[in-house]
Amino acid sequence: MDCPSCGTTNTATAKFCVECGTAMATTCPSCGTTAAPGTKFCAECGAGLGTGMAPATPTATTSATTPPATSEAAVAERRLVSVLFADLVGFTTLSENRDP
């Protein structure tokens, strides 16, 4: 695998370049998943990985529910949500006789 910074050939399992120390993997700016150098789209969320890629660091942690801060305004956002609807039998009648 060639280093994206200096072009030095490294082993396939290398996390950092042996010549310049640059991280060999990058993270998705949308979901934080680690992606191989040269990948155009994130395998996890499908976001484009063009110029917004940041080098991965061993101590970096990204929450799946909190998008990373960017200087550009987000045009659209896709999130997974769960919605629960509940209907309690007799709740309206019971609540009419109670204090607000």
PDB file of N, CA and C in Angstrom:
ATOM      1  N   MET A   1       0.855  -1.164   0.000  1.00  0.00           N
ATOM      2  CA  MET A   1       0.000   0.000   0.000  1.00  0.00           C
ATOM      3  C   MET A   1       0.906   1.234   0.000  1.00  0.00           C
ATOM      4  N   ASP A   2       0.644   2.175  -0.900  1.00  0.00           N
ATOM      5  CA  ASP A   2       1.459   3.377  -1.005  1.00  0.00           C
ATOM      6  C   ASP A   2       0.928   4.469  -0.086  1.00  0.00           C
ATOM      7  N   CYS A   3       1.840   5.216   0.515  1.00  0.00           N
ATOM      8  CA  CYS A   3       1.489   6.323   1.400  1.00  0.00           C
ATOM      9  C   CYS A   3       0.820   7.437   0.593  1.00  0.00           C
ATOM     10  N   PRO A   4      -0.341   7.970   1.055  1.00  0.00           N
ATOM     11  CA  PRO A   4      -0.996   9.045   0.326  1.00  0.00           C
ATOM     12  C   PRO A   4      -0.222  10.358   0.383  1.00  0.00           C
ATOM     13  N   SER A   5       0.726  10.472   1.316  1.00  0.00           N
ATOM     14  CA  SER A   5       1.483  11.713   1.474  1.00  0.00           C
ATOM     15  C   SER A   5       2.802  11.711   0.701  1.00  0.00           C
ATOM     16  N   CYS A   6       3.635  10.669   0.935  1.00  0.00           N
ATOM     17  CA  CYS A   6       4.969  10.667   0.316  1.00  0.00           C
ATOM     18  C   CYS A   6       5.137   9.617  -0.774  1.00  0.00           C
ATOM     19  N   GLY A   7       4.191   8.666  -0.905  1.00  0.00           N
ATOM     20  CA  GLY A   7       4.264   7.664  -1.956  1.00  0.00           C
ATOM     21  C   GLY A   7       5.111   6.449  -1.631  1.00  0.00           C
ATOM     22  N   THR A   8       5.648   6.359  -0.419  1.00  0.00           N
ATOM     23  CA  THR A   8       6.459   5.217  -0.020  1.00  0.00           C
ATOM     24  C   THR A   8       5.602   3.969   0.072  1.00  0.00           C
ATOM     25  N   THR A   9       6.130   2.838  -0.398  1.00  0.00           N
ATOM     26  CA  THR A   9       5.406   1.576  -0.323  1.00  0.00           C
ATOM     27  C   THR A   9       5.518   1.024   1.086  1.00  0.00           C
ATOM     28  N   ASN A  10       4.353   0.688   1.677  1.00  0.00           N
ATOM     29  CA  ASN A  10       4.273   0.129   3.026  1.00  0.00           C
ATOM     30  C   ASN A  10       3.575  -1.223   2.957  1.00  0.00           C
ATOM     31  N   THR A  11       3.646  -1.983   4.046  1.00  0.00           N
ATOM     32  CA  THR A  11       2.943  -3.261   4.089  1.00  0.00           C
ATOM     33  C   THR A  11       1.440  -3.011   4.139  1.00  0.00           C
ATOM     34  N   ALA A  12       0.664  -4.019   3.784  1.00  0.00           N
ATOM     35  CA  ALA A  12      -0.795  -3.875   3.749  1.00  0.00           C
ATOM     36  C   ALA A  12      -1.379  -3.666   5.138  1.00  0.00           C
ATOM     37  N   THR A  13      -0.693  -4.109   6.178  1.00  0.00           N
ATOM     38  CA  THR A  13      -1.203  -3.983   7.546  1.00  0.00           C
ATOM     39  C   THR A  13      -0.705  -2.731   8.258  1.00  0.00           C
ATOM     40  N   ALA A  14       0.112  -1.912   7.579  1.00  0.00           N
ATOM     41  CA  ALA A  14       0.673  -0.712   8.207  1.00  0.00           C
ATOM     42  C   ALA A  14      -0.410   0.308   8.512  1.00  0.00           C
ATOM     43  N   LYS A  15      -0.374   0.845   9.732  1.00  0.00           N
ATOM     44  CA  LYS A  15      -1.317   1.885  10.116  1.00  0.00           C
ATOM     45  C   LYS A  15      -0.737   3.274   9.856  1.00  0.00           C
ATOM     46  N   PHE A  16       0.585   3.371   9.866  1.00  0.00           N
ATOM     47  CA  PHE A  16       1.275   4.634   9.615  1.00  0.00           C
ATOM     48  C   PHE A  16       2.414   4.390   8.638  1.00  0.00           C
ATOM     49  N   CYS A  17       2.746   5.377   7.849  1.00  0.00           N
ATOM     50  CA  CYS A  17       3.825   5.275   6.879  1.00  0.00           C
ATOM     51  C   CYS A  17       5.165   5.132   7.596  1.00  0.00           C
ATOM     52  N   VAL A  18       6.010   4.203   7.123  1.00  0.00           N
ATOM     53  CA  VAL A  18       7.314   3.979   7.744  1.00  0.00           C
ATOM     54  C   VAL A  18       8.293   5.100   7.414  1.00  0.00           C
ATOM     55  N   GLU A  19       8.024   5.895   6.393  1.00  0.00           N
ATOM     56  CA  GLU A  19       8.924   6.975   5.981  1.00  0.00           C
ATOM     57  C   GLU A  19       8.551   8.315   6.613  1.00  0.00           C
ATOM     58  N   CYS A  20       7.270   8.711   6.529  1.00  0.00           N
ATOM     59  CA  CYS A  20       6.882  10.049   6.993  1.00  0.00           C
ATOM     60  C   CYS A  20       5.951  10.044   8.202  1.00  0.00           C
ATOM     61  N   GLY A  21       5.404   8.864   8.582  1.00  0.00           N
ATOM     62  CA  GLY A  21       4.546   8.773   9.759  1.00  0.00           C
ATOM     63  C   GLY A  21       3.097   9.166   9.524  1.00  0.00           C
ATOM     64  N   THR A  22       2.698   9.415   8.279  1.00  0.00           N
ATOM     65  CA  THR A  22       1.317   9.779   7.966  1.00  0.00           C
ATOM     66  C   THR A  22       0.411   8.575   8.168  1.00  0.00           C
ATOM     67  N   ALA A  23      -0.796   8.822   8.697  1.00  0.00           N
ATOM     68  CA  ALA A  23      -1.757   7.737   8.888  1.00  0.00           C
ATOM     69  C   ALA A  23      -2.131   7.146   7.538  1.00  0.00           C
ATOM     70  N   MET A  24      -2.139   5.816   7.461  1.00  0.00           N
ATOM     71  CA  MET A  24      -2.456   5.128   6.212  1.00  0.00           C
ATOM     72  C   MET A  24      -3.960   5.007   5.991  1.00  0.00           C
ATOM     73  N   ALA A  25      -4.759   5.114   7.051  1.00  0.00           N
ATOM     74  CA  ALA A  25      -6.210   5.025   6.933  1.00  0.00           C
ATOM     75  C   ALA A  25      -6.809   6.409   7.193  1.00  0.00           C
ATOM     76  N   THR A  26      -7.992   6.631   6.653  1.00  0.00           N
ATOM     77  CA  THR A  26      -8.697   7.887   6.858  1.00  0.00           C
ATOM     78  C   THR A  26     -10.078   7.586   7.418  1.00  0.00           C
ATOM     79  N   THR A  27     -10.741   8.604   7.955  1.00  0.00           N
ATOM     80  CA  THR A  27     -12.071   8.405   8.522  1.00  0.00           C
ATOM     81  C   THR A  27     -13.110   9.152   7.709  1.00  0.00           C
ATOM     82  N   CYS A  28     -14.310   8.616   7.688  1.00  0.00           N
ATOM     83  CA  CYS A  28     -15.436   9.242   6.993  1.00  0.00           C
ATOM     84  C   CYS A  28     -15.859  10.484   7.771  1.00  0.00           C
ATOM     85  N   PRO A  29     -16.002  11.634   7.107  1.00  0.00           N
ATOM     86  CA  PRO A  29     -16.407  12.842   7.823  1.00  0.00           C
ATOM     87  C   PRO A  29     -17.859  12.780   8.299  1.00  0.00           C
ATOM     88  N   SER A  30     -18.639  11.861   7.763  1.00  0.00           N
ATOM     89  CA  SER A  30     -20.047  11.757   8.130  1.00  0.00           C
ATOM     90  C   SER A  30     -20.272  10.839   9.333  1.00  0.00           C
ATOM     91  N   CYS A  31     -19.718   9.621   9.284  1.00  0.00           N
ATOM     92  CA  CYS A  31     -20.002   8.655  10.355  1.00  0.00           C
ATOM     93  C   CYS A  31     -18.775   8.239  11.166  1.00  0.00           C
ATOM     94  N   GLY A  32     -17.569   8.598  10.723  1.00  0.00           N
ATOM     95  CA  GLY A  32     -16.362   8.284  11.475  1.00  0.00           C
ATOM     96  C   GLY A  32     -15.784   6.904  11.221  1.00  0.00           C
ATOM     97  N   THR A  33     -16.314   6.159  10.279  1.00  0.00           N
ATOM     98  CA  THR A  33     -15.806   4.827   9.953  1.00  0.00           C
ATOM     99  C   THR A  33     -14.454   4.939   9.256  1.00  0.00           C
ATOM    100  N   THR A  34     -13.531   4.044   9.584  1.00  0.00           N
ATOM    101  CA  THR A  34     -12.211   4.041   8.960  1.00  0.00           C
ATOM    102  C   THR A  34     -12.332   3.527   7.526  1.00  0.00           C
ATOM    103  N   ALA A  35     -11.693   4.240   6.596  1.00  0.00           N
ATOM    104  CA  ALA A  35     -11.725   3.864   5.182  1.00  0.00           C
ATOM    105  C   ALA A  35     -10.301   3.793   4.645  1.00  0.00           C
ATOM    106  N   ALA A  36     -10.079   2.924   3.691  1.00  0.00           N
ATOM    107  CA  ALA A  36      -8.761   2.777   3.078  1.00  0.00           C
ATOM    108  C   ALA A  36      -8.461   3.989   2.193  1.00  0.00           C
ATOM    109  N   PRO A  37      -7.186   4.356   2.035  1.00  0.00           N
ATOM    110  CA  PRO A  37      -6.841   5.472   1.163  1.00  0.00           C
ATOM    111  C   PRO A  37      -7.283   5.200  -0.268  1.00  0.00           C
ATOM    112  N   GLY A  38      -7.771   6.216  -0.942  1.00  0.00           N
ATOM    113  CA  GLY A  38      -8.196   6.090  -2.321  1.00  0.00           C
ATOM    114  C   GLY A  38      -9.650   5.686  -2.484  1.00  0.00           C
ATOM    115  N   THR A  39     -10.331   5.394  -1.378  1.00  0.00           N
ATOM    116  CA  THR A  39     -11.741   5.024  -1.439  1.00  0.00           C
ATOM    117  C   THR A  39     -12.573   6.268  -1.707  1.00  0.00           C
ATOM    118  N   LYS A  40     -13.539   6.183  -2.628  1.00  0.00           N
ATOM    119  CA  LYS A  40     -14.339   7.347  -3.011  1.00  0.00           C
ATOM    120  C   LYS A  40     -15.595   7.510  -2.158  1.00  0.00           C
ATOM    121  N   PHE A  41     -16.142   6.387  -1.660  1.00  0.00           N
ATOM    122  CA  PHE A  41     -17.361   6.443  -0.860  1.00  0.00           C
ATOM    123  C   PHE A  41     -17.202   5.582   0.384  1.00  0.00           C
ATOM    124  N   CYS A  42     -17.849   5.987   1.468  1.00  0.00           N
ATOM    125  CA  CYS A  42     -17.807   5.253   2.727  1.00  0.00           C
ATOM    126  C   CYS A  42     -18.596   3.952   2.585  1.00  0.00           C
ATOM    127  N   ALA A  43     -18.011   2.852   3.041  1.00  0.00           N
ATOM    128  CA  ALA A  43     -18.675   1.554   2.968  1.00  0.00           C
ATOM    129  C   ALA A  43     -19.790   1.429   3.999  1.00  0.00           C
ATOM    130  N   GLU A  44     -19.783   2.265   5.030  1.00  0.00           N
ATOM    131  CA  GLU A  44     -20.786   2.189   6.093  1.00  0.00           C
ATOM    132  C   GLU A  44     -22.019   3.042   5.810  1.00  0.00           C
ATOM    133  N   CYS A  45     -21.817   4.327   5.428  1.00  0.00           N
ATOM    134  CA  CYS A  45     -22.956   5.235   5.256  1.00  0.00           C
ATOM    135  C   CYS A  45     -23.148   5.711   3.820  1.00  0.00           C
ATOM    136  N   GLY A  46     -22.175   5.472   2.938  1.00  0.00           N
ATOM    137  CA  GLY A  46     -22.308   5.859   1.539  1.00  0.00           C
ATOM    138  C   GLY A  46     -21.949   7.298   1.240  1.00  0.00           C
ATOM    139  N   ALA A  47     -21.450   8.029   2.217  1.00  0.00           N
ATOM    140  CA  ALA A  47     -21.075   9.424   2.009  1.00  0.00           C
ATOM    141  C   ALA A  47     -19.846   9.508   1.110  1.00  0.00           C
ATOM    142  N   GLY A  48     -19.764  10.594   0.336  1.00  0.00           N
ATOM    143  CA  GLY A  48     -18.597  10.812  -0.504  1.00  0.00           C
ATOM    144  C   GLY A  48     -17.384  11.131   0.333  1.00  0.00           C
ATOM    145  N   LEU A  49     -16.242  10.582  -0.034  1.00  0.00           N
ATOM    146  CA  LEU A  49     -15.019  10.762   0.741  1.00  0.00           C
ATOM    147  C   LEU A  49     -13.999  11.626   0.022  1.00  0.00           C
ATOM    148  N   GLY A  50     -14.427  12.480  -0.873  1.00  0.00           N
ATOM    149  CA  GLY A  50     -13.530  13.305  -1.672  1.00  0.00           C
ATOM    150  C   GLY A  50     -12.524  14.090  -0.863  1.00  0.00           C
ATOM    151  N   THR A  51     -12.744  15.379  -0.673  1.00  0.00           N
ATOM    152  CA  THR A  51     -11.766  16.247  -0.025  1.00  0.00           C
ATOM    153  C   THR A  51     -11.988  16.355   1.461  1.00  0.00           C
ATOM    154  N   GLY A  52     -13.093  15.844   2.000  1.00  0.00           N
ATOM    155  CA  GLY A  52     -13.409  16.006   3.410  1.00  0.00           C
ATOM    156  C   GLY A  52     -12.815  14.957   4.311  1.00  0.00           C
ATOM    157  N   MET A  53     -11.885  14.140   3.823  1.00  0.00           N
ATOM    158  CA  MET A  53     -11.313  13.081   4.635  1.00  0.00           C
ATOM    159  C   MET A  53     -10.295  13.634   5.603  1.00  0.00           C
ATOM    160  N   ALA A  54     -10.353  13.155   6.834  1.00  0.00           N
ATOM    161  CA  ALA A  54      -9.384  13.520   7.859  1.00  0.00           C
ATOM    162  C   ALA A  54      -8.595  12.276   8.217  1.00  0.00           C
ATOM    163  N   PRO A  55      -7.286  12.413   8.519  1.00  0.00           N
ATOM    164  CA  PRO A  55      -6.497  11.245   8.881  1.00  0.00           C
ATOM    165  C   PRO A  55      -7.042  10.573  10.130  1.00  0.00           C
ATOM    166  N   ALA A  56      -7.020   9.256  10.154  1.00  0.00           N
ATOM    167  CA  ALA A  56      -7.471   8.526  11.330  1.00  0.00           C
ATOM    168  C   ALA A  56      -6.380   8.573  12.381  1.00  0.00           C
ATOM    169  N   THR A  57      -6.769   8.678  13.628  1.00  0.00           N
ATOM    170  CA  THR A  57      -5.825   8.650  14.728  1.00  0.00           C
ATOM    171  C   THR A  57      -6.245   7.548  15.678  1.00  0.00           C
ATOM    172  N   PRO A  58      -5.308   6.922  16.371  1.00  0.00           N
ATOM    173  CA  PRO A  58      -5.649   5.821  17.261  1.00  0.00           C
ATOM    174  C   PRO A  58      -6.543   6.253  18.419  1.00  0.00           C
ATOM    175  N   THR A  59      -6.491   7.515  18.831  1.00  0.00           N
ATOM    176  CA  THR A  59      -7.272   7.976  19.964  1.00  0.00           C
ATOM    177  C   THR A  59      -8.560   8.647  19.553  1.00  0.00           C
ATOM    178  N   ALA A  60      -8.825   8.767  18.253  1.00  0.00           N
ATOM    179  CA  ALA A  60     -10.027   9.453  17.792  1.00  0.00           C
ATOM    180  C   ALA A  60     -11.248   8.579  18.029  1.00  0.00           C
ATOM    181  N   THR A  61     -12.286   9.189  18.615  1.00  0.00           N
ATOM    182  CA  THR A  61     -13.552   8.500  18.786  1.00  0.00           C
ATOM    183  C   THR A  61     -14.639   9.401  18.264  1.00  0.00           C
ATOM    184  N   THR A  62     -15.580   8.823  17.534  1.00  0.00           N
ATOM    185  CA  THR A  62     -16.678   9.592  16.964  1.00  0.00           C
ATOM    186  C   THR A  62     -17.973   8.903  17.310  1.00  0.00           C
ATOM    187  N   SER A  63     -18.931   9.629  17.831  1.00  0.00           N
ATOM    188  CA  SER A  63     -20.234   9.076  18.150  1.00  0.00           C
ATOM    189  C   SER A  63     -21.036   8.915  16.870  1.00  0.00           C
ATOM    190  N   ALA A  64     -21.749   7.836  16.762  1.00  0.00           N
ATOM    191  CA  ALA A  64     -22.566   7.602  15.573  1.00  0.00           C
ATOM    192  C   ALA A  64     -23.757   8.537  15.510  1.00  0.00           C
ATOM    193  N   THR A  65     -24.165   9.080  16.643  1.00  0.00           N
ATOM    194  CA  THR A  65     -25.324   9.966  16.643  1.00  0.00           C
ATOM    195  C   THR A  65     -24.944  11.426  16.544  1.00  0.00           C
ATOM    196  N   THR A  66     -23.695  11.767  16.736  1.00  0.00           N
ATOM    197  CA  THR A  66     -23.265  13.150  16.677  1.00  0.00           C
ATOM    198  C   THR A  66     -22.352  13.346  15.481  1.00  0.00           C
ATOM    199  N   PRO A  67     -22.776  14.097  14.460  1.00  0.00           N
ATOM    200  CA  PRO A  67     -21.905  14.320  13.315  1.00  0.00           C
ATOM    201  C   PRO A  67     -20.735  15.212  13.700  1.00  0.00           C
ATOM    202  N   PRO A  68     -19.568  15.027  13.077  1.00  0.00           N
ATOM    203  CA  PRO A  68     -18.415  15.858  13.385  1.00  0.00           C
ATOM    204  C   PRO A  68     -18.670  17.302  12.982  1.00  0.00           C
ATOM    205  N   ALA A  69     -18.054  18.226  13.727  1.00  0.00           N
ATOM    206  CA  ALA A  69     -18.228  19.642  13.435  1.00  0.00           C
ATOM    207  C   ALA A  69     -17.510  20.009  12.144  1.00  0.00           C
ATOM    208  N   THR A  70     -18.176  20.730  11.270  1.00  0.00           N
ATOM    209  CA  THR A  70     -17.582  21.173  10.024  1.00  0.00           C
ATOM    210  C   THR A  70     -17.859  22.644   9.846  1.00  0.00           C
ATOM    211  N   SER A  71     -17.064  23.299   9.021  1.00  0.00           N
ATOM    212  CA  SER A  71     -17.255  24.715   8.767  1.00  0.00           C
ATOM    213  C   SER A  71     -18.345  24.951   7.724  1.00  0.00           C
ATOM    214  N   GLU A  72     -18.700  23.917   6.960  1.00  0.00           N
ATOM    215  CA  GLU A  72     -19.724  24.051   5.938  1.00  0.00           C
ATOM    216  C   GLU A  72     -21.082  23.664   6.514  1.00  0.00           C
ATOM    217  N   ALA A  73     -22.133  24.333   6.057  1.00  0.00           N
ATOM    218  CA  ALA A  73     -23.483  24.001   6.493  1.00  0.00           C
ATOM    219  C   ALA A  73     -23.928  22.696   5.827  1.00  0.00           C
ATOM    220  N   ALA A  74     -24.581  21.838   6.579  1.00  0.00           N
ATOM    221  CA  ALA A  74     -25.060  20.570   6.039  1.00  0.00           C
ATOM    222  C   ALA A  74     -26.269  20.821   5.150  1.00  0.00           C
ATOM    223  N   VAL A  75     -26.268  20.227   3.974  1.00  0.00           N
ATOM    224  CA  VAL A  75     -27.366  20.392   3.032  1.00  0.00           C
ATOM    225  C   VAL A  75     -28.491  19.437   3.397  1.00  0.00           C
ATOM    226  N   ALA A  76     -28.168  18.196   3.657  1.00  0.00           N
ATOM    227  CA  ALA A  76     -29.156  17.192   4.027  1.00  0.00           C
ATOM    228  C   ALA A  76     -28.514  16.228   5.009  1.00  0.00           C
ATOM    229  N   GLU A  77     -29.347  15.619   5.811  1.00  0.00           N
ATOM    230  CA  GLU A  77     -28.835  14.689   6.801  1.00  0.00           C
ATOM    231  C   GLU A  77     -29.773  13.496   6.884  1.00  0.00           C
ATOM    232  N   ARG A  78     -29.205  12.310   6.938  1.00  0.00           N
ATOM    233  CA  ARG A  78     -29.995  11.088   7.023  1.00  0.00           C
ATOM    234  C   ARG A  78     -29.679  10.432   8.359  1.00  0.00           C
ATOM    235  N   ARG A  79     -30.728  10.162   9.164  1.00  0.00           N
ATOM    236  CA  ARG A  79     -30.537   9.523  10.460  1.00  0.00           C
ATOM    237  C   ARG A  79     -31.523   8.376  10.624  1.00  0.00           C
ATOM    238  N   LEU A  80     -31.111   7.374  11.368  1.00  0.00           N
ATOM    239  CA  LEU A  80     -31.997   6.287  11.735  1.00  0.00           C
ATOM    240  C   LEU A  80     -32.685   6.668  13.037  1.00  0.00           C
ATOM    241  N   VAL A  81     -33.987   6.551  13.082  1.00  0.00           N
ATOM    242  CA  VAL A  81     -34.741   6.886  14.290  1.00  0.00           C
ATOM    243  C   VAL A  81     -35.740   5.783  14.594  1.00  0.00           C
ATOM    244  N   SER A  82     -36.158   5.717  15.832  1.00  0.00           N
ATOM    245  CA  SER A  82     -37.210   4.801  16.252  1.00  0.00           C
ATOM    246  C   SER A  82     -38.328   5.638  16.843  1.00  0.00           C
ATOM    247  N   VAL A  83     -39.556   5.317  16.473  1.00  0.00           N
ATOM    248  CA  VAL A  83     -40.712   6.050  16.964  1.00  0.00           C
ATOM    249  C   VAL A  83     -41.649   5.059  17.626  1.00  0.00           C
ATOM    250  N   LEU A  84     -42.152   5.415  18.823  1.00  0.00           N
ATOM    251  CA  LEU A  84     -43.061   4.552  19.550  1.00  0.00           C
ATOM    252  C   LEU A  84     -44.371   5.297  19.767  1.00  0.00           C
ATOM    253  N   PHE A  85     -45.473   4.708  19.333  1.00  0.00           N
ATOM    254  CA  PHE A  85     -46.802   5.247  19.578  1.00  0.00           C
ATOM    255  C   PHE A  85     -47.497   4.314  20.571  1.00  0.00           C
ATOM    256  N   ALA A  86     -48.124   4.905  21.579  1.00  0.00           N
ATOM    257  CA  ALA A  86     -48.826   4.093  22.572  1.00  0.00           C
ATOM    258  C   ALA A  86     -50.217   4.680  22.806  1.00  0.00           C
ATOM    259  N   ASP A  87     -51.192   3.813  22.967  1.00  0.00           N
ATOM    260  CA  ASP A  87     -52.555   4.221  23.251  1.00  0.00           C
ATOM    261  C   ASP A  87     -52.970   3.512  24.528  1.00  0.00           C
ATOM    262  N   LEU A  88     -53.187   4.286  25.594  1.00  0.00           N
ATOM    263  CA  LEU A  88     -53.592   3.723  26.876  1.00  0.00           C
ATOM    264  C   LEU A  88     -55.106   3.797  26.990  1.00  0.00           C
ATOM    265  N   VAL A  89     -55.726   2.667  27.165  1.00  0.00           N
ATOM    266  CA  VAL A  89     -57.187   2.604  27.244  1.00  0.00           C
ATOM    267  C   VAL A  89     -57.661   3.316  28.506  1.00  0.00           C
ATOM    268  N   GLY A  90     -58.580   4.268  28.334  1.00  0.00           N
ATOM    269  CA  GLY A  90     -59.179   4.983  29.454  1.00  0.00           C
ATOM    270  C   GLY A  90     -58.354   6.132  30.005  1.00  0.00           C
ATOM    271  N   PHE A  91     -57.238   6.480  29.366  1.00  0.00           N
ATOM    272  CA  PHE A  91     -56.376   7.537  29.885  1.00  0.00           C
ATOM    273  C   PHE A  91     -57.060   8.903  29.851  1.00  0.00           C
ATOM    274  N   THR A  92     -57.779   9.220  28.787  1.00  0.00           N
ATOM    275  CA  THR A  92     -58.439  10.517  28.668  1.00  0.00           C
ATOM    276  C   THR A  92     -59.466  10.690  29.786  1.00  0.00           C
ATOM    277  N   THR A  93     -60.296   9.700  30.023  1.00  0.00           N
ATOM    278  CA  THR A  93     -61.305   9.779  31.072  1.00  0.00           C
ATOM    279  C   THR A  93     -60.637   9.905  32.452  1.00  0.00           C
ATOM    280  N   LEU A  94     -59.593   9.166  32.681  1.00  0.00           N
ATOM    281  CA  LEU A  94     -58.879   9.225  33.956  1.00  0.00           C
ATOM    282  C   LEU A  94     -58.229  10.596  34.147  1.00  0.00           C
ATOM    283  N   SER A  95     -57.626  11.159  33.096  1.00  0.00           N
ATOM    284  CA  SER A  95     -56.926  12.442  33.230  1.00  0.00           C
ATOM    285  C   SER A  95     -57.893  13.623  33.369  1.00  0.00           C
ATOM    286  N   GLU A  96     -59.149  13.499  32.934  1.00  0.00           N
ATOM    287  CA  GLU A  96     -60.126  14.574  33.079  1.00  0.00           C
ATOM    288  C   GLU A  96     -60.478  14.807  34.542  1.00  0.00           C
ATOM    289  N   ASN A  97     -60.372  13.794  35.401  1.00  0.00           N
ATOM    290  CA  ASN A  97     -60.723  13.896  36.809  1.00  0.00           C
ATOM    291  C   ASN A  97     -59.537  14.272  37.692  1.00  0.00           C
ATOM    292  N   ARG A  98     -58.379  14.521  37.131  1.00  0.00           N
ATOM    293  CA  ARG A  98     -57.148  14.818  37.891  1.00  0.00           C
ATOM    294  C   ARG A  98     -56.765  16.292  37.734  1.00  0.00           C
ATOM    295  N   ASP A  99     -55.945  16.779  38.672  1.00  0.00           N
ATOM    296  CA  ASP A  99     -55.393  18.120  38.565  1.00  0.00           C
ATOM    297  C   ASP A  99     -54.392  18.157  37.418  1.00  0.00           C
ATOM    298  N   PRO A 100     -54.291  19.297  36.751  1.00  0.00           N
ATOM    299  CA  PRO A 100     -53.314  19.402  35.663  1.00  0.00           C
ATOM    300  C   PRO A 100     -51.934  19.254  36.218  1.00  0.00           C
TER     301      PRO A 100
END
